[in-house]
Amino acid sequence: MNRAADAAGAPGTAAPSGVGPAGLPAAVKRLVDVMLAGLVFVLAGPILLVAAGLVRVRMGAPVLFVQERTGRSMRHFRLLKLRTMTDARDAQGRLLPDRDRARPLGGFLRRYSIDELPQLINVLRGEMSLIGPRPLLPRYDSCYAGPELLRFAVRPGITGLAQVTGRNAASWNDRLALDARYVAQWSLWLDARIALRTVGRVFASSGVSADPAGDMLDLDEERGMSRP
């Protein structure tokens, strides 16, 4: 069992206790998640349908990008997004860098976070929260240490403290430290502040990189962990 599983619990076991939402505050957070996610999904439905139609016409099928991520208690789930890039590859069959696969439509969807709207379904399913650490790839599961493991005590979020603090510009160490700080200092008031700052950043379209993979190493590469 890896270090993350030792401290945060393998899939199907309990997350670390004593941190994050619990009891009545946890129930209130979940109620807010369901009510707001449902409301936004209905109100943004026309935008989502138009965006999905444009993706289908401009980039073809599939419309959704579905990828396995690690959530609370290290359970894996399938995260949903609108597709914003093509599957263009080089002569060796390797995917081209994000910047070369991106299309103007995809850039627009990313700039205003429209591509994230399908994750409201993940929230309604109970796999995610509106606010929390962003869910990362399963191949990173063995890369976390110490307080970084606190991220698995809560549902991952569509947005979080790390995103409103630095979005794509923050380093891995800073992102993971902010995620741990969020869990350790969680309150409904903190969630409200993050939500308000997220709205401001979306409308300002700030902090979005055309090629996040080109801005920093993958977490496993940065920490010298070999991929499975």
Protein backbone atom coordinates (compact mmCIF):
# COMPACT_ATOMS: atom_id res chain seq x y z
CA MET A 1 0.00 0.00 0.00
CA ASN A 2 1.35 3.47 -0.87
CA ARG A 3 1.92 6.34 1.53
CA ALA A 4 -1.33 8.05 0.55
CA ALA A 5 -3.33 4.93 1.19
CA ASP A 6 -1.58 4.40 4.53
CA ALA A 7 -2.57 7.80 5.84
CA ALA A 8 -5.75 8.61 3.94
CA GLY A 9 -7.22 5.16 3.61
CA ALA A 10 -7.38 2.86 0.62
CA PRO A 11 -10.48 2.99 -1.59
CA GLY A 12 -13.48 2.08 0.48
CA THR A 13 -11.92 2.98 3.86
CA ALA A 14 -12.41 6.04 6.04
CA ALA A 15 -10.65 9.33 5.34
CA PRO A 16 -8.53 11.00 8.04
CA SER A 17 -10.73 12.09 10.96
CA GLY A 18 -10.76 15.37 12.83
CA VAL A 19 -10.31 17.60 9.77
CA GLY A 20 -12.64 19.09 7.20
CA PRO A 21 -16.44 19.17 7.33
CA ALA A 22 -18.16 16.86 9.82
CA GLY A 23 -21.56 16.51 11.44
CA LEU A 24 -24.06 19.31 10.83
CA PRO A 25 -21.60 21.58 8.94
CA ALA A 26 -20.88 18.70 6.55
CA ALA A 27 -24.61 18.17 6.00
CA VAL A 28 -25.06 21.89 5.33
CA LYS A 29 -22.15 21.89 2.88
CA ARG A 30 -23.64 18.95 1.01
CA LEU A 31 -27.09 20.56 0.95
CA VAL A 32 -25.60 23.77 -0.45
CA ASP A 33 -23.70 21.73 -3.05
CA VAL A 34 -26.84 19.96 -4.25
CA MET A 35 -29.05 23.06 -4.27
CA LEU A 36 -26.54 25.34 -6.00
CA ALA A 37 -25.30 22.70 -8.44
CA GLY A 38 -28.87 21.90 -9.44
CA LEU A 39 -29.76 25.58 -9.82
CA VAL A 40 -26.66 26.44 -11.85
CA PHE A 41 -27.12 23.34 -14.02
CA VAL A 42 -30.66 24.45 -14.90
CA LEU A 43 -29.74 28.10 -15.46
CA ALA A 44 -26.60 27.29 -17.43
CA GLY A 45 -28.28 24.46 -19.34
CA PRO A 46 -28.79 26.52 -22.53
CA ILE A 47 -25.13 27.64 -22.46
CA LEU A 48 -23.99 24.06 -21.95
CA LEU A 49 -26.15 22.77 -24.81
CA VAL A 50 -24.89 25.44 -27.22
CA ALA A 51 -21.27 24.81 -26.17
CA ALA A 52 -21.71 21.05 -26.59
CA GLY A 53 -23.20 21.58 -30.04
CA LEU A 54 -20.29 23.79 -31.08
CA VAL A 55 -17.77 21.23 -29.81
CA ARG A 56 -19.53 18.52 -31.81
CA VAL A 57 -19.50 20.64 -35.00
CA ARG A 58 -16.01 22.13 -34.65
CA MET A 59 -14.08 19.24 -33.11
CA GLY A 60 -16.28 16.21 -33.66
CA ALA A 61 -17.16 13.45 -31.23
CA PRO A 62 -16.90 12.84 -28.38
CA VAL A 63 -18.26 16.04 -26.88
CA LEU A 64 -17.27 15.13 -23.34
CA PHE A 65 -13.76 14.59 -22.02
CA VAL A 66 -13.97 11.84 -19.40
CA GLN A 67 -10.97 11.10 -17.21
CA GLU A 68 -10.40 9.08 -14.05
CA ARG A 69 -9.44 11.16 -11.03
CA THR A 70 -8.86 10.48 -7.33
CA GLY A 71 -11.46 11.73 -4.89
CA ARG A 72 -12.32 11.51 -1.21
CA SER A 73 -10.81 8.53 0.62
CA MET A 74 -8.78 7.91 -2.55
CA ARG A 75 -11.79 6.52 -4.39
CA HIS A 76 -11.45 6.91 -8.14
CA PHE A 77 -14.24 8.43 -10.19
CA ARG A 78 -14.81 9.67 -13.74
CA LEU A 79 -14.54 13.45 -14.03
CA LEU A 80 -16.58 15.12 -16.79
CA LYS A 81 -15.59 18.13 -18.88
CA LEU A 82 -16.43 19.53 -22.29
CA ARG A 83 -13.68 18.63 -24.72
CA THR A 84 -11.50 21.64 -25.56
CA MET A 85 -8.73 19.99 -27.61
CA THR A 86 -8.34 17.70 -30.58
CA ASP A 87 -6.58 14.34 -30.46
CA ALA A 88 -3.89 15.42 -32.93
CA ARG A 89 -0.71 13.34 -32.71
CA ASP A 90 2.81 13.50 -34.10
CA ALA A 91 4.42 11.03 -36.52
CA GLN A 92 5.22 8.67 -33.62
CA GLY A 93 1.60 8.62 -32.47
CA ARG A 94 2.19 10.78 -29.39
CA LEU A 95 -0.30 13.48 -28.47
CA LEU A 96 0.86 16.95 -29.43
CA PRO A 97 1.32 19.55 -26.67
CA ASP A 98 -1.89 21.12 -25.37
CA ARG A 99 -1.10 24.39 -27.12
CA ASP A 100 -0.96 22.66 -30.51
CA ARG A 101 -4.15 20.68 -29.94
CA ALA A 102 -6.20 23.59 -28.61
CA ARG A 103 -8.70 25.34 -30.84
CA PRO A 104 -10.09 28.89 -30.49
CA LEU A 105 -13.40 27.44 -29.31
CA GLY A 106 -11.62 25.37 -26.68
CA GLY A 107 -9.68 28.42 -25.51
CA PHE A 108 -12.93 30.36 -25.11
CA LEU A 109 -14.56 27.54 -23.15
CA ARG A 110 -11.53 27.29 -20.85
CA ARG A 111 -11.22 31.05 -20.41
CA TYR A 112 -14.72 31.32 -18.98
CA SER A 113 -14.73 27.85 -17.34
CA ILE A 114 -17.66 26.71 -19.49
CA ASP A 115 -15.82 23.43 -20.03
CA GLU A 116 -16.18 22.74 -16.29
CA LEU A 117 -20.01 22.87 -16.28
CA PRO A 118 -20.45 19.08 -16.73
CA GLN A 119 -18.74 18.64 -13.36
CA LEU A 120 -21.99 19.84 -11.82
CA ILE A 121 -23.15 16.29 -12.59
CA ASN A 122 -20.20 14.98 -10.56
CA VAL A 123 -21.35 17.21 -7.70
CA LEU A 124 -24.94 15.97 -7.88
CA ARG A 125 -23.66 12.38 -7.89
CA GLY A 126 -21.76 13.04 -4.67
CA GLU A 127 -18.35 12.52 -6.27
CA MET A 128 -17.34 16.17 -5.99
CA SER A 129 -18.18 19.37 -4.13
CA LEU A 130 -18.47 22.86 -5.54
CA ILE A 131 -15.52 23.89 -3.35
CA GLY A 132 -12.54 21.70 -2.48
CA PRO A 133 -9.11 20.59 -3.68
CA ARG A 134 -9.09 19.93 -7.41
CA PRO A 135 -9.12 16.18 -8.16
CA LEU A 136 -5.83 14.98 -9.63
CA LEU A 137 -4.78 11.95 -11.66
CA PRO A 138 -4.61 8.50 -10.00
CA ARG A 139 -0.99 8.13 -11.07
CA TYR A 140 -0.16 10.86 -8.54
CA ASP A 141 -1.59 8.83 -5.63
CA SER A 142 1.86 7.81 -4.35
CA CYS A 143 3.32 11.32 -4.65
CA TYR A 144 1.72 12.94 -1.61
CA ALA A 145 3.30 13.16 1.82
CA GLY A 146 2.49 14.61 5.24
CA PRO A 147 -0.22 17.29 5.33
CA GLU A 148 -0.78 16.92 1.57
CA LEU A 149 -2.75 13.74 2.36
CA LEU A 150 -5.46 15.85 3.99
CA ARG A 151 -6.90 16.47 0.53
CA PHE A 152 -8.42 12.99 0.65
CA ALA A 153 -10.49 13.84 3.75
CA VAL A 154 -12.95 15.87 1.66
CA ARG A 155 -14.71 15.69 -1.69
CA PRO A 156 -12.67 17.31 -4.45
CA GLY A 157 -14.05 20.56 -5.82
CA ILE A 158 -14.77 22.33 -9.08
CA THR A 159 -12.80 25.22 -7.61
CA GLY A 160 -10.70 25.62 -4.50
CA LEU A 161 -8.35 27.78 -2.47
CA ALA A 162 -5.38 26.96 -4.72
CA GLN A 163 -7.32 27.97 -7.84
CA VAL A 164 -8.41 31.39 -6.55
CA THR A 165 -4.94 32.05 -5.15
CA GLY A 166 -2.88 31.25 -8.21
CA ARG A 167 -4.96 29.19 -10.64
CA ASN A 168 -2.60 27.59 -13.19
CA ALA A 169 0.37 29.76 -12.17
CA ALA A 170 0.94 28.21 -8.73
CA SER A 171 3.69 25.63 -8.25
CA TRP A 172 2.83 22.07 -7.19
CA ASN A 173 4.18 22.62 -3.68
CA ASP A 174 2.09 25.77 -3.32
CA ARG A 175 -1.05 24.13 -4.72
CA LEU A 176 -0.83 21.12 -2.45
CA ALA A 177 -0.03 23.27 0.58
CA LEU A 178 -3.08 25.43 -0.14
CA ASP A 179 -5.24 22.32 -0.51
CA ALA A 180 -4.06 21.07 2.90
CA ARG A 181 -4.67 24.51 4.41
CA TYR A 182 -8.20 24.51 3.01
CA VAL A 183 -9.03 21.19 4.67
CA ALA A 184 -7.40 22.13 7.98
CA GLN A 185 -9.11 25.54 8.15
CA TRP A 186 -12.40 24.63 6.48
CA SER A 187 -15.55 26.60 7.26
CA LEU A 188 -18.69 27.54 5.36
CA TRP A 189 -17.41 31.11 5.39
CA LEU A 190 -14.18 30.02 3.68
CA ASP A 191 -16.24 28.23 1.02
CA ALA A 192 -18.28 31.40 0.46
CA ARG A 193 -15.14 33.50 0.07
CA ILE A 194 -13.66 31.03 -2.43
CA ALA A 195 -16.92 30.97 -4.40
CA LEU A 196 -17.03 34.76 -4.65
CA ARG A 197 -13.38 34.97 -5.71
CA THR A 198 -13.98 32.25 -8.29
CA VAL A 199 -16.83 34.22 -9.86
CA GLY A 200 -14.59 37.27 -10.07
CA ARG A 201 -11.78 35.31 -11.72
CA VAL A 202 -14.12 33.67 -14.22
CA PHE A 203 -15.51 37.01 -15.38
CA ALA A 204 -12.00 38.47 -15.48
CA SER A 205 -10.82 35.30 -17.31
CA SER A 206 -7.58 35.49 -15.33
CA GLY A 207 -5.01 32.81 -14.57
CA VAL A 208 -5.82 30.45 -17.44
CA SER A 209 -2.92 28.93 -19.32
CA ALA A 210 -3.20 27.74 -22.92
CA ASP A 211 -0.75 24.95 -22.16
CA PRO A 212 -0.61 24.11 -18.42
CA ALA A 213 1.52 21.05 -19.13
CA GLY A 214 4.09 23.32 -20.74
CA ASP A 215 4.22 25.63 -17.74
CA MET A 216 5.28 23.04 -15.16
CA LEU A 217 6.29 19.42 -14.82
CA ASP A 218 3.74 16.76 -13.95
CA LEU A 219 3.69 16.07 -10.22
CA ASP A 220 5.20 12.60 -10.53
CA GLU A 221 7.98 13.91 -12.76
CA GLU A 222 8.72 16.84 -10.45
CA ARG A 223 9.04 14.51 -7.46
CA GLY A 224 11.02 11.86 -9.28
CA MET A 225 8.26 9.26 -9.17
CA SER A 226 8.14 6.86 -12.08
CA ARG A 227 4.84 6.39 -13.84
CA PRO A 228 3.23 2.97 -13.61
